[in-house]
Each structure stands twice: as structure tokens, then as C-alpha cells.
N, C-alpha and C. Protein backbone atom coordinates (compact mmCIF):
# COMPACT_ATOMS: atom_id res chain seq x y z
N LYS A 1 -3.66 21.22 4.55
CA LYS A 1 -3.35 19.84 4.21
C LYS A 1 -1.99 19.45 4.79
N SER A 2 -1.92 18.27 5.37
CA SER A 2 -0.66 17.73 5.89
C SER A 2 -0.35 16.41 5.18
N THR A 3 0.94 16.22 4.86
CA THR A 3 1.38 15.00 4.20
C THR A 3 2.51 14.37 5.00
N TYR A 4 2.37 13.08 5.28
CA TYR A 4 3.41 12.33 5.97
C TYR A 4 3.95 11.30 4.98
N SER A 5 5.21 11.47 4.56
CA SER A 5 5.83 10.56 3.61
C SER A 5 7.00 9.85 4.27
N SER A 6 7.08 8.54 4.07
CA SER A 6 8.21 7.80 4.64
C SER A 6 8.56 6.59 3.78
N ILE A 7 9.87 6.36 3.63
CA ILE A 7 10.39 5.15 2.99
C ILE A 7 11.21 4.43 4.05
N GLU A 8 10.77 3.23 4.44
CA GLU A 8 11.42 2.51 5.54
C GLU A 8 12.10 1.26 5.00
N ASN A 9 13.40 1.18 5.21
CA ASN A 9 14.19 0.02 4.75
C ASN A 9 15.03 -0.47 5.93
N TRP A 10 14.40 -1.28 6.76
CA TRP A 10 15.05 -1.77 7.97
C TRP A 10 15.95 -2.97 7.66
N SER A 11 16.83 -3.28 8.60
CA SER A 11 17.64 -4.49 8.47
C SER A 11 16.72 -5.71 8.59
N LYS A 12 17.15 -6.84 8.02
CA LYS A 12 16.28 -7.99 7.87
C LYS A 12 16.01 -8.74 9.18
N ASN A 13 16.58 -8.30 10.29
CA ASN A 13 16.30 -8.94 11.57
C ASN A 13 15.49 -8.03 12.50
N THR A 14 14.90 -6.98 11.94
CA THR A 14 14.18 -5.98 12.74
C THR A 14 12.68 -6.26 12.75
N TYR A 15 12.07 -6.01 13.90
CA TYR A 15 10.61 -6.03 14.00
C TYR A 15 10.14 -4.58 13.98
N ASN A 16 9.44 -4.22 12.92
CA ASN A 16 9.01 -2.83 12.73
C ASN A 16 7.54 -2.71 13.13
N LEU A 17 7.31 -2.31 14.36
CA LEU A 17 5.96 -2.18 14.91
C LEU A 17 5.79 -0.75 15.41
N ASN A 18 5.10 0.07 14.67
CA ASN A 18 4.96 1.46 15.09
C ASN A 18 3.54 1.98 14.90
N THR A 19 3.26 3.09 15.54
CA THR A 19 1.91 3.66 15.53
C THR A 19 1.93 5.08 14.97
N LYS A 20 1.02 5.34 14.04
CA LYS A 20 0.87 6.68 13.47
C LYS A 20 -0.62 7.02 13.50
N ARG A 21 -0.94 8.21 13.99
CA ARG A 21 -2.35 8.56 14.11
C ARG A 21 -2.53 10.05 13.88
N ALA A 22 -3.62 10.41 13.20
CA ALA A 22 -3.93 11.82 12.95
C ALA A 22 -5.41 12.07 13.24
N ILE A 23 -5.70 13.20 13.85
CA ILE A 23 -7.08 13.64 14.06
C ILE A 23 -7.33 14.82 13.14
N ILE A 24 -8.31 14.67 12.25
CA ILE A 24 -8.56 15.69 11.21
C ILE A 24 -9.85 16.43 11.53
N HIS A 25 -9.73 17.72 11.69
CA HIS A 25 -10.88 18.54 12.03
C HIS A 25 -11.56 19.07 10.75
N GLU A 26 -12.52 19.94 10.93
CA GLU A 26 -13.34 20.42 9.82
C GLU A 26 -12.48 20.99 8.68
N ASN A 27 -12.76 20.50 7.46
CA ASN A 27 -12.08 20.92 6.23
C ASN A 27 -10.60 20.54 6.18
N GLY A 28 -10.15 19.75 7.13
CA GLY A 28 -8.75 19.32 7.13
C GLY A 28 -8.51 18.18 6.14
N ASN A 29 -7.23 17.96 5.82
CA ASN A 29 -6.86 16.93 4.85
C ASN A 29 -5.53 16.30 5.28
N MET A 30 -5.54 14.99 5.51
CA MET A 30 -4.32 14.27 5.92
C MET A 30 -3.98 13.23 4.88
N GLU A 31 -2.71 13.21 4.44
CA GLU A 31 -2.26 12.26 3.44
C GLU A 31 -1.10 11.45 3.99
N TRP A 32 -1.23 10.11 3.89
CA TRP A 32 -0.16 9.20 4.29
C TRP A 32 0.45 8.57 3.03
N ILE A 33 1.77 8.61 2.91
CA ILE A 33 2.46 7.95 1.81
C ILE A 33 3.58 7.10 2.40
N ASN A 34 3.47 5.78 2.26
CA ASN A 34 4.42 4.87 2.91
C ASN A 34 5.05 3.89 1.92
N GLY A 35 6.34 3.66 2.09
CA GLY A 35 7.04 2.59 1.38
C GLY A 35 7.75 1.72 2.41
N ASN A 36 7.47 0.43 2.42
CA ASN A 36 8.03 -0.45 3.45
C ASN A 36 8.82 -1.60 2.83
N LEU A 37 10.11 -1.65 3.15
CA LEU A 37 10.99 -2.73 2.74
C LEU A 37 11.80 -3.17 3.95
N GLY A 38 12.59 -4.22 3.76
CA GLY A 38 13.42 -4.68 4.86
C GLY A 38 12.56 -5.20 6.01
N SER A 39 13.17 -5.41 7.15
CA SER A 39 12.56 -5.89 8.39
C SER A 39 12.11 -7.35 8.28
N LYS A 40 12.20 -8.05 9.37
CA LYS A 40 11.71 -9.42 9.44
C LYS A 40 10.19 -9.42 9.50
N MET A 41 9.64 -8.47 10.26
CA MET A 41 8.20 -8.32 10.41
C MET A 41 7.84 -6.84 10.49
N THR A 42 6.89 -6.41 9.67
CA THR A 42 6.35 -5.07 9.76
C THR A 42 4.86 -5.15 10.01
N MET A 43 4.40 -4.41 11.02
CA MET A 43 2.97 -4.25 11.27
C MET A 43 2.73 -2.76 11.40
N LEU A 44 2.13 -2.18 10.35
CA LEU A 44 2.02 -0.72 10.27
C LEU A 44 0.66 -0.33 9.69
N TYR A 45 -0.13 0.40 10.48
CA TYR A 45 -1.48 0.79 10.05
C TYR A 45 -1.75 2.23 10.47
N PRO A 46 -1.29 3.23 9.70
CA PRO A 46 -1.59 4.61 10.03
C PRO A 46 -3.09 4.83 10.20
N CYS A 47 -3.47 5.63 11.16
CA CYS A 47 -4.88 5.82 11.50
C CYS A 47 -5.29 7.28 11.31
N SER A 48 -6.43 7.48 10.65
CA SER A 48 -7.01 8.81 10.48
C SER A 48 -8.38 8.84 11.14
N VAL A 49 -8.58 9.82 12.01
CA VAL A 49 -9.86 10.02 12.66
C VAL A 49 -10.47 11.29 12.07
N LEU A 50 -11.51 11.11 11.24
CA LEU A 50 -12.15 12.24 10.56
C LEU A 50 -13.20 12.81 11.50
N LEU A 51 -12.78 13.81 12.27
CA LEU A 51 -13.60 14.31 13.39
C LEU A 51 -14.53 15.45 12.98
N GLY A 52 -14.12 16.22 11.95
CA GLY A 52 -14.91 17.39 11.57
C GLY A 52 -15.55 17.25 10.20
N LYS A 53 -16.54 18.08 9.93
CA LYS A 53 -17.22 18.06 8.64
C LYS A 53 -16.23 18.32 7.51
N ASN A 54 -16.43 17.61 6.39
CA ASN A 54 -15.62 17.80 5.18
C ASN A 54 -14.15 17.39 5.36
N ALA A 55 -13.83 16.68 6.43
CA ALA A 55 -12.46 16.21 6.62
C ALA A 55 -12.14 15.12 5.60
N LYS A 56 -10.88 15.05 5.19
CA LYS A 56 -10.46 14.10 4.17
C LYS A 56 -9.18 13.40 4.59
N THR A 57 -8.98 12.19 4.06
CA THR A 57 -7.71 11.51 4.25
C THR A 57 -7.42 10.62 3.05
N ASN A 58 -6.15 10.53 2.68
CA ASN A 58 -5.68 9.65 1.62
C ASN A 58 -4.55 8.79 2.17
N TYR A 59 -4.56 7.51 1.79
CA TYR A 59 -3.47 6.62 2.15
C TYR A 59 -2.95 5.97 0.88
N ILE A 60 -1.64 6.08 0.65
CA ILE A 60 -0.99 5.44 -0.48
C ILE A 60 0.21 4.67 0.05
N GLY A 61 0.23 3.37 -0.16
CA GLY A 61 1.30 2.58 0.42
C GLY A 61 1.78 1.46 -0.48
N ILE A 62 3.06 1.11 -0.33
CA ILE A 62 3.62 -0.03 -1.04
C ILE A 62 4.50 -0.82 -0.07
N ALA A 63 4.38 -2.14 -0.13
CA ALA A 63 5.18 -3.01 0.72
C ALA A 63 5.86 -4.06 -0.14
N PHE A 64 7.11 -4.37 0.18
CA PHE A 64 7.90 -5.35 -0.57
C PHE A 64 8.41 -6.40 0.41
N ALA A 65 7.99 -7.65 0.20
CA ALA A 65 8.40 -8.74 1.09
C ALA A 65 9.24 -9.76 0.32
N SER A 66 10.40 -10.08 0.86
CA SER A 66 11.26 -11.09 0.24
C SER A 66 11.45 -12.25 1.23
N GLU A 67 12.48 -13.04 1.04
CA GLU A 67 12.69 -14.25 1.83
C GLU A 67 12.69 -13.96 3.33
N ASN A 68 11.93 -14.75 4.09
CA ASN A 68 11.84 -14.64 5.55
C ASN A 68 11.31 -13.29 6.02
N GLN A 69 10.51 -12.64 5.19
CA GLN A 69 9.92 -11.36 5.55
C GLN A 69 8.40 -11.43 5.55
N ASN A 70 7.81 -10.71 6.48
CA ASN A 70 6.35 -10.60 6.56
C ASN A 70 5.99 -9.12 6.65
N GLN A 71 5.39 -8.60 5.59
CA GLN A 71 4.96 -7.20 5.55
C GLN A 71 3.45 -7.15 5.72
N ASP A 72 3.00 -6.76 6.90
CA ASP A 72 1.58 -6.69 7.22
C ASP A 72 1.24 -5.21 7.39
N THR A 73 0.68 -4.61 6.35
CA THR A 73 0.48 -3.16 6.35
C THR A 73 -0.92 -2.79 5.88
N GLY A 74 -1.28 -1.55 6.14
CA GLY A 74 -2.59 -1.05 5.72
C GLY A 74 -2.89 0.25 6.44
N CYS A 75 -4.17 0.51 6.68
CA CYS A 75 -4.53 1.75 7.38
C CYS A 75 -5.89 1.60 8.05
N LYS A 76 -6.17 2.54 8.95
CA LYS A 76 -7.46 2.61 9.62
C LYS A 76 -8.05 4.00 9.42
N VAL A 77 -9.35 4.04 9.13
CA VAL A 77 -10.04 5.32 8.95
C VAL A 77 -11.36 5.28 9.71
N TYR A 78 -11.60 6.32 10.51
CA TYR A 78 -12.86 6.45 11.23
C TYR A 78 -13.59 7.71 10.75
N HIS A 79 -14.75 7.51 10.14
CA HIS A 79 -15.58 8.64 9.70
C HIS A 79 -16.56 8.97 10.83
N LEU A 80 -16.37 10.12 11.45
CA LEU A 80 -17.20 10.49 12.60
C LEU A 80 -18.07 11.70 12.34
N ALA A 81 -17.98 12.30 11.15
CA ALA A 81 -18.73 13.52 10.84
C ALA A 81 -19.26 13.47 9.41
N PRO A 82 -20.27 14.28 9.10
CA PRO A 82 -20.84 14.29 7.75
C PRO A 82 -19.85 14.79 6.70
N ASN A 83 -20.07 14.33 5.46
CA ASN A 83 -19.31 14.81 4.29
C ASN A 83 -17.81 14.54 4.38
N THR A 84 -17.44 13.51 5.11
CA THR A 84 -16.03 13.15 5.18
C THR A 84 -15.70 12.16 4.07
N SER A 85 -14.42 12.08 3.70
CA SER A 85 -14.03 11.18 2.60
C SER A 85 -12.67 10.57 2.86
N SER A 86 -12.50 9.35 2.37
CA SER A 86 -11.22 8.65 2.49
C SER A 86 -10.95 7.88 1.21
N ASN A 87 -9.67 7.82 0.85
CA ASN A 87 -9.25 7.08 -0.33
C ASN A 87 -8.00 6.28 0.02
N VAL A 88 -8.05 4.98 -0.22
CA VAL A 88 -6.95 4.09 0.16
C VAL A 88 -6.46 3.35 -1.08
N LEU A 89 -5.14 3.42 -1.34
CA LEU A 89 -4.52 2.69 -2.43
C LEU A 89 -3.30 1.96 -1.87
N SER A 90 -3.35 0.63 -1.87
CA SER A 90 -2.27 -0.16 -1.31
C SER A 90 -1.74 -1.13 -2.36
N LYS A 91 -0.41 -1.17 -2.51
CA LYS A 91 0.25 -2.08 -3.44
C LYS A 91 1.26 -2.93 -2.66
N SER A 92 1.31 -4.22 -2.96
CA SER A 92 2.29 -5.08 -2.31
C SER A 92 2.95 -5.99 -3.33
N ILE A 93 4.23 -6.29 -3.09
CA ILE A 93 5.01 -7.18 -3.94
C ILE A 93 5.68 -8.21 -3.04
N SER A 94 5.63 -9.48 -3.43
CA SER A 94 6.30 -10.51 -2.65
C SER A 94 7.10 -11.44 -3.56
N GLN A 95 8.24 -11.90 -3.05
CA GLN A 95 9.12 -12.78 -3.82
C GLN A 95 9.87 -13.71 -2.87
N LYS A 96 10.44 -14.78 -3.41
CA LYS A 96 11.29 -15.71 -2.67
C LYS A 96 10.63 -16.21 -1.38
N GLY A 97 9.31 -16.45 -1.42
CA GLY A 97 8.62 -16.98 -0.27
C GLY A 97 8.20 -15.94 0.75
N GLY A 98 8.37 -14.66 0.44
CA GLY A 98 7.95 -13.60 1.36
C GLY A 98 6.43 -13.50 1.45
N THR A 99 5.95 -12.90 2.53
CA THR A 99 4.52 -12.75 2.76
C THR A 99 4.15 -11.28 2.89
N SER A 100 3.17 -10.85 2.12
CA SER A 100 2.68 -9.48 2.23
C SER A 100 1.16 -9.52 2.38
N THR A 101 0.65 -8.68 3.27
CA THR A 101 -0.78 -8.65 3.56
C THR A 101 -1.26 -7.22 3.69
N TYR A 102 -2.39 -6.92 3.04
CA TYR A 102 -3.07 -5.65 3.33
C TYR A 102 -4.09 -5.90 4.43
N ARG A 103 -4.01 -5.11 5.50
CA ARG A 103 -4.95 -5.25 6.61
C ARG A 103 -5.46 -3.84 6.94
N GLY A 104 -6.74 -3.61 6.73
CA GLY A 104 -7.26 -2.27 6.92
C GLY A 104 -8.65 -2.25 7.52
N LEU A 105 -9.03 -1.08 8.00
CA LEU A 105 -10.35 -0.87 8.59
C LEU A 105 -10.90 0.47 8.15
N VAL A 106 -12.13 0.48 7.66
CA VAL A 106 -12.88 1.71 7.42
C VAL A 106 -14.17 1.62 8.23
N GLN A 107 -14.38 2.58 9.12
CA GLN A 107 -15.59 2.59 9.93
C GLN A 107 -16.32 3.91 9.74
N ILE A 108 -17.57 3.83 9.36
CA ILE A 108 -18.40 5.02 9.17
C ILE A 108 -19.50 4.98 10.23
N ASN A 109 -19.44 5.92 11.15
CA ASN A 109 -20.38 5.94 12.26
C ASN A 109 -21.74 6.51 11.87
N LYS A 110 -22.74 6.19 12.67
CA LYS A 110 -24.07 6.76 12.48
C LYS A 110 -23.99 8.28 12.57
N GLY A 111 -24.60 8.95 11.62
CA GLY A 111 -24.57 10.41 11.59
C GLY A 111 -23.55 10.98 10.63
N ALA A 112 -22.62 10.15 10.17
CA ALA A 112 -21.61 10.61 9.20
C ALA A 112 -22.19 10.54 7.79
N THR A 113 -23.28 11.25 7.58
CA THR A 113 -24.00 11.21 6.31
C THR A 113 -23.17 11.78 5.16
N ASN A 114 -23.46 11.26 3.96
CA ASN A 114 -22.80 11.71 2.72
C ASN A 114 -21.29 11.49 2.74
N SER A 115 -20.83 10.57 3.56
CA SER A 115 -19.41 10.23 3.58
C SER A 115 -19.08 9.30 2.42
N LYS A 116 -17.84 9.36 1.98
CA LYS A 116 -17.39 8.54 0.87
C LYS A 116 -16.09 7.84 1.23
N SER A 117 -15.97 6.59 0.82
CA SER A 117 -14.74 5.84 1.06
C SER A 117 -14.47 4.90 -0.11
N SER A 118 -13.21 4.90 -0.56
CA SER A 118 -12.80 4.01 -1.65
C SER A 118 -11.52 3.30 -1.23
N VAL A 119 -11.53 1.97 -1.31
CA VAL A 119 -10.37 1.17 -0.92
C VAL A 119 -9.98 0.27 -2.08
N ARG A 120 -8.70 0.33 -2.46
CA ARG A 120 -8.18 -0.56 -3.49
C ARG A 120 -6.86 -1.15 -3.02
N CYS A 121 -6.76 -2.48 -3.05
CA CYS A 121 -5.51 -3.13 -2.65
C CYS A 121 -5.13 -4.16 -3.70
N ASP A 122 -3.90 -4.07 -4.20
CA ASP A 122 -3.39 -4.94 -5.26
C ASP A 122 -2.13 -5.65 -4.78
N GLY A 123 -2.06 -6.96 -5.04
CA GLY A 123 -0.88 -7.73 -4.68
C GLY A 123 -0.26 -8.39 -5.90
N LEU A 124 1.08 -8.39 -5.97
CA LEU A 124 1.80 -8.99 -7.08
C LEU A 124 2.84 -9.95 -6.54
N MET A 125 2.80 -11.20 -7.01
CA MET A 125 3.78 -12.21 -6.61
C MET A 125 4.76 -12.45 -7.76
N LEU A 126 6.04 -12.49 -7.44
CA LEU A 126 7.06 -12.65 -8.47
C LEU A 126 7.49 -14.10 -8.66
N ASP A 127 6.92 -15.02 -7.86
CA ASP A 127 7.24 -16.44 -8.02
C ASP A 127 6.11 -17.27 -7.43
N ASN A 128 6.29 -18.60 -7.47
CA ASN A 128 5.25 -19.51 -6.99
C ASN A 128 5.32 -19.77 -5.49
N ASN A 129 6.35 -19.29 -4.83
CA ASN A 129 6.53 -19.59 -3.41
C ASN A 129 6.07 -18.47 -2.49
N SER A 130 5.76 -17.33 -3.04
CA SER A 130 5.40 -16.17 -2.23
C SER A 130 3.91 -16.19 -1.86
N ILE A 131 3.58 -15.38 -0.88
CA ILE A 131 2.21 -15.31 -0.39
C ILE A 131 1.78 -13.85 -0.32
N THR A 132 0.58 -13.57 -0.80
CA THR A 132 0.02 -12.24 -0.66
C THR A 132 -1.47 -12.34 -0.42
N GLY A 133 -2.00 -11.41 0.32
CA GLY A 133 -3.42 -11.48 0.64
C GLY A 133 -3.97 -10.14 1.08
N THR A 134 -5.28 -10.05 1.17
CA THR A 134 -5.94 -8.83 1.63
C THR A 134 -6.93 -9.18 2.73
N SER A 135 -6.98 -8.33 3.74
CA SER A 135 -7.89 -8.54 4.85
C SER A 135 -8.55 -7.21 5.22
N PRO A 136 -9.42 -6.73 4.35
CA PRO A 136 -10.09 -5.44 4.64
C PRO A 136 -11.30 -5.64 5.54
N ALA A 137 -11.58 -4.66 6.36
CA ALA A 137 -12.78 -4.67 7.19
C ALA A 137 -13.51 -3.34 7.00
N MET A 138 -14.82 -3.42 6.81
CA MET A 138 -15.63 -2.22 6.65
C MET A 138 -16.84 -2.30 7.58
N ILE A 139 -16.94 -1.31 8.44
CA ILE A 139 -18.07 -1.24 9.37
C ILE A 139 -18.86 0.03 9.03
N VAL A 140 -20.03 -0.15 8.48
CA VAL A 140 -20.83 0.99 8.02
C VAL A 140 -22.11 1.05 8.83
N LYS A 141 -22.27 2.10 9.62
CA LYS A 141 -23.43 2.27 10.49
C LYS A 141 -24.38 3.36 10.01
N GLU A 142 -24.12 3.89 8.82
CA GLU A 142 -24.94 4.96 8.25
C GLU A 142 -25.32 4.57 6.82
N SER A 143 -26.59 4.75 6.47
CA SER A 143 -27.07 4.32 5.14
C SER A 143 -26.77 5.33 4.05
N LYS A 144 -26.66 6.59 4.37
CA LYS A 144 -26.48 7.63 3.35
C LYS A 144 -24.99 7.87 3.11
N VAL A 145 -24.32 6.84 2.57
CA VAL A 145 -22.89 6.93 2.31
C VAL A 145 -22.57 6.22 1.00
N ASN A 146 -21.35 6.40 0.54
CA ASN A 146 -20.88 5.76 -0.69
C ASN A 146 -19.57 5.05 -0.37
N VAL A 147 -19.59 3.71 -0.42
CA VAL A 147 -18.41 2.92 -0.05
C VAL A 147 -18.06 1.96 -1.19
N ALA A 148 -16.79 1.91 -1.56
CA ALA A 148 -16.35 1.01 -2.64
C ALA A 148 -15.08 0.30 -2.22
N HIS A 149 -14.96 -0.96 -2.65
CA HIS A 149 -13.76 -1.74 -2.35
C HIS A 149 -13.40 -2.59 -3.55
N GLU A 150 -12.09 -2.63 -3.86
CA GLU A 150 -11.60 -3.45 -4.98
C GLU A 150 -10.28 -4.07 -4.59
N ALA A 151 -10.10 -5.34 -4.90
CA ALA A 151 -8.84 -6.03 -4.58
C ALA A 151 -8.45 -6.95 -5.71
N THR A 152 -7.15 -6.99 -6.02
CA THR A 152 -6.63 -7.91 -7.03
C THR A 152 -5.35 -8.54 -6.49
N VAL A 153 -5.18 -9.82 -6.75
CA VAL A 153 -3.96 -10.55 -6.38
C VAL A 153 -3.56 -11.40 -7.57
N GLY A 154 -2.31 -11.33 -7.97
CA GLY A 154 -1.89 -12.12 -9.13
C GLY A 154 -0.40 -12.34 -9.16
N LYS A 155 0.00 -13.25 -10.04
CA LYS A 155 1.41 -13.57 -10.24
C LYS A 155 1.91 -12.84 -11.48
N ILE A 156 3.19 -12.49 -11.47
CA ILE A 156 3.77 -11.83 -12.63
C ILE A 156 3.58 -12.72 -13.86
N GLY A 157 3.09 -12.13 -14.95
CA GLY A 157 2.72 -12.91 -16.12
C GLY A 157 3.91 -13.44 -16.90
N GLU A 158 3.91 -14.76 -17.15
CA GLU A 158 4.98 -15.36 -17.95
C GLU A 158 4.94 -14.83 -19.38
N GLU A 159 3.72 -14.56 -19.88
CA GLU A 159 3.60 -14.02 -21.23
C GLU A 159 4.22 -12.63 -21.32
N GLN A 160 4.02 -11.83 -20.26
CA GLN A 160 4.64 -10.50 -20.25
C GLN A 160 6.15 -10.60 -20.27
N LEU A 161 6.68 -11.49 -19.43
CA LEU A 161 8.13 -11.68 -19.40
C LEU A 161 8.65 -12.18 -20.75
N PHE A 162 7.95 -13.15 -21.33
CA PHE A 162 8.37 -13.72 -22.60
C PHE A 162 8.38 -12.65 -23.69
N TYR A 163 7.35 -11.82 -23.72
CA TYR A 163 7.27 -10.77 -24.74
C TYR A 163 8.44 -9.81 -24.63
N LEU A 164 8.72 -9.35 -23.41
CA LEU A 164 9.81 -8.39 -23.23
C LEU A 164 11.17 -9.03 -23.51
N MET A 165 11.35 -10.28 -23.06
CA MET A 165 12.63 -10.95 -23.28
C MET A 165 12.84 -11.28 -24.75
N SER A 166 11.74 -11.50 -25.49
CA SER A 166 11.86 -11.76 -26.93
C SER A 166 12.32 -10.52 -27.69
N ARG A 167 12.24 -9.37 -27.02
CA ARG A 167 12.71 -8.11 -27.62
C ARG A 167 14.14 -7.80 -27.22
N GLY A 168 14.81 -8.79 -26.62
CA GLY A 168 16.22 -8.61 -26.25
C GLY A 168 16.44 -8.06 -24.87
N ILE A 169 15.38 -7.97 -24.06
CA ILE A 169 15.49 -7.45 -22.70
C ILE A 169 15.77 -8.61 -21.75
N SER A 170 16.70 -8.45 -20.83
CA SER A 170 17.04 -9.51 -19.89
C SER A 170 15.87 -9.77 -18.94
N GLU A 171 15.87 -10.93 -18.30
CA GLU A 171 14.80 -11.27 -17.35
C GLU A 171 14.74 -10.26 -16.21
N GLU A 172 15.92 -9.85 -15.73
CA GLU A 172 15.97 -8.88 -14.64
C GLU A 172 15.33 -7.56 -15.05
N ASP A 173 15.73 -7.04 -16.22
CA ASP A 173 15.18 -5.75 -16.67
C ASP A 173 13.70 -5.87 -17.01
N ALA A 174 13.30 -7.01 -17.55
CA ALA A 174 11.88 -7.21 -17.86
C ALA A 174 11.04 -7.20 -16.59
N THR A 175 11.55 -7.84 -15.56
CA THR A 175 10.85 -7.85 -14.27
C THR A 175 10.76 -6.45 -13.70
N LYS A 176 11.86 -5.69 -13.81
CA LYS A 176 11.86 -4.31 -13.33
C LYS A 176 10.79 -3.48 -14.04
N ILE A 177 10.66 -3.66 -15.35
CA ILE A 177 9.69 -2.89 -16.12
C ILE A 177 8.27 -3.19 -15.65
N ILE A 178 7.97 -4.48 -15.44
CA ILE A 178 6.63 -4.88 -15.02
C ILE A 178 6.33 -4.35 -13.62
N VAL A 179 7.31 -4.46 -12.72
CA VAL A 179 7.12 -3.97 -11.35
C VAL A 179 6.97 -2.46 -11.34
N SER A 180 7.75 -1.76 -12.16
CA SER A 180 7.66 -0.30 -12.22
C SER A 180 6.27 0.16 -12.64
N GLY A 181 5.69 -0.56 -13.61
CA GLY A 181 4.33 -0.23 -14.03
C GLY A 181 3.32 -0.49 -12.93
N PHE A 182 3.56 -1.55 -12.16
CA PHE A 182 2.64 -1.92 -11.08
C PHE A 182 2.63 -0.88 -9.96
N ILE A 183 3.80 -0.35 -9.61
CA ILE A 183 3.89 0.58 -8.48
C ILE A 183 3.80 2.05 -8.90
N GLU A 184 3.68 2.30 -10.20
CA GLU A 184 3.70 3.68 -10.70
C GLU A 184 2.69 4.59 -10.01
N PRO A 185 1.44 4.15 -9.74
CA PRO A 185 0.49 5.05 -9.07
C PRO A 185 0.97 5.52 -7.70
N VAL A 186 1.78 4.69 -7.02
CA VAL A 186 2.31 5.08 -5.72
C VAL A 186 3.51 6.00 -5.88
N VAL A 187 4.42 5.61 -6.74
CA VAL A 187 5.68 6.34 -6.91
C VAL A 187 5.43 7.79 -7.35
N LYS A 188 4.45 8.00 -8.22
CA LYS A 188 4.22 9.35 -8.74
C LYS A 188 3.73 10.31 -7.66
N GLU A 189 3.25 9.78 -6.54
CA GLU A 189 2.78 10.63 -5.44
C GLU A 189 3.90 10.99 -4.47
N LEU A 190 5.04 10.33 -4.59
CA LEU A 190 6.15 10.57 -3.68
C LEU A 190 6.96 11.80 -4.10
N PRO A 191 7.57 12.49 -3.15
CA PRO A 191 8.56 13.51 -3.51
C PRO A 191 9.66 12.85 -4.34
N LEU A 192 10.28 13.60 -5.22
CA LEU A 192 11.23 13.04 -6.18
C LEU A 192 12.32 12.22 -5.53
N GLU A 193 12.92 12.75 -4.45
CA GLU A 193 14.03 12.03 -3.82
C GLU A 193 13.55 10.72 -3.20
N TYR A 194 12.33 10.69 -2.69
CA TYR A 194 11.76 9.47 -2.11
C TYR A 194 11.49 8.45 -3.22
N ALA A 195 10.94 8.93 -4.34
CA ALA A 195 10.63 8.04 -5.46
C ALA A 195 11.89 7.39 -6.01
N MET A 196 12.95 8.16 -6.15
CA MET A 196 14.22 7.62 -6.64
C MET A 196 14.77 6.57 -5.69
N GLU A 197 14.69 6.84 -4.39
CA GLU A 197 15.19 5.89 -3.39
C GLU A 197 14.38 4.60 -3.41
N LEU A 198 13.05 4.71 -3.49
CA LEU A 198 12.20 3.52 -3.49
C LEU A 198 12.47 2.67 -4.72
N ASN A 199 12.55 3.29 -5.88
CA ASN A 199 12.84 2.55 -7.12
C ASN A 199 14.17 1.82 -7.03
N LYS A 200 15.18 2.50 -6.48
CA LYS A 200 16.50 1.90 -6.38
C LYS A 200 16.49 0.70 -5.44
N LEU A 201 15.80 0.83 -4.31
CA LEU A 201 15.74 -0.27 -3.34
C LEU A 201 15.04 -1.49 -3.93
N ILE A 202 13.96 -1.26 -4.66
CA ILE A 202 13.23 -2.37 -5.27
C ILE A 202 14.07 -3.03 -6.37
N GLU A 203 14.81 -2.23 -7.13
CA GLU A 203 15.69 -2.78 -8.15
C GLU A 203 16.74 -3.71 -7.52
N ILE A 204 17.28 -3.30 -6.38
CA ILE A 204 18.28 -4.12 -5.69
C ILE A 204 17.67 -5.44 -5.23
N GLU A 205 16.44 -5.37 -4.69
CA GLU A 205 15.76 -6.59 -4.22
C GLU A 205 15.52 -7.55 -5.39
N ILE A 206 15.09 -7.03 -6.52
CA ILE A 206 14.82 -7.87 -7.69
C ILE A 206 16.12 -8.48 -8.22
N LYS A 207 17.17 -7.68 -8.26
CA LYS A 207 18.46 -8.19 -8.75
C LYS A 207 18.97 -9.30 -7.87
N ASN A 208 18.85 -9.14 -6.55
CA ASN A 208 19.31 -10.18 -5.61
C ASN A 208 18.50 -11.46 -5.77
N SER A 209 17.23 -11.31 -6.15
CA SER A 209 16.37 -12.48 -6.31
C SER A 209 16.72 -13.28 -7.56
N ILE A 210 17.03 -12.58 -8.63
CA ILE A 210 17.29 -13.24 -9.92
C ILE A 210 18.72 -13.77 -10.01
N CYS A 211 19.64 -13.05 -9.40
CA CYS A 211 21.06 -13.46 -9.48
C CYS A 211 21.30 -14.76 -8.72
């Protein structure tokens, strides 16, 4: 099993356009864990090519878009052999008019029998000016497969904020608590030092937004 973990926090005038690709042979397992902040524009779609039988891949990603930022992230998976599997979990947060988009592709070729793929993408907006969306693509050329997709997009709940603030918690801390719960599935998969860094960076972004 190979794991590629990265937390990217570019300056706000950077265009972050990069390519990541892995070819997974029989019984291999590739895991992508990405955190994307900063940058004016990010376009990042790690690619897994499941070439051998029983090959697996997991993608776990979180993107944070603030003012004048566009985070366009996701992944690509190609199932080319039988009994291959992929699991995709993408989380995005947008605030202050920022734009975040999940853009992904899962392709299961003819002959890749008994393959399984699960895609889940969730977007959270912290205000009324932000934009978030999902653009998944699934190309399935084999009938003997199991494919699932789920997507949710929503705004941070005023009732949630009101409840926490009525308990004496500030708006900033209440927002942090809600966001922490939203990204928890991603953070728990990160190495400890990466998780601490990601949490700290998001806290700074939220504080700058509310102040």
C-alpha cells in the first residue's frame, strides 16, 4: 500500500495546476489524501489507473475557498481489471464569495467485472455569497459492477449557530465547531502533524472572515 498525503497552502496570487498519477497493479493499493487552501486557482485531480486484479484506490480530499479563490478539485479513477475497487470522499468549504467545485471521473471498462466504486462529495457554504458545486462523471461499460454516488451541498445552519452561541460560545468558535465536525472524516485520516496544520489553517481562514 502507498499513501500520498499533502497539505497545500499557496499564496493567494498563485495558480496551482499540477498532475498526480498512479498505476496500481494486482493486489496493489493507492491512497490519496489532499488538503487544498490558498491559491487564486487550483485545478487538481489525482489519477489512479487500476491495472491489475484486486487493485484498490482511495481518495480523501478537502478544499477551502475564500474571497477571490477558485478551488476546483477531485480525482480520476480508471477500472481496467476485474475485482478492482475505488472509494472517493471529497469535502469542500467556501466563504466570502469563494468558489469550490468537486470535479471527478470514474470509468469502469468492459471486462472489469465485480468492480466497486463509491463516490461521496459534500459542500459547505459559510455565507450567502459563496458558491459550491459538484460535477461528477461516471462511465460504466460493464454490467457486473457496483457503483454508488452521493452528493450534498448546504449552507451552515443558522439554528446550529444560534444553539451554540446561546450556550455562551462566540460566533467564531461556534463556526469552528461546525466546520470541525464537517471535515472530521478527512482529518482523522491524516498523519497527526498534517491534521494539526490543516485545522490551524482553517481556523485562521475562519477568523479572518469573521473579524
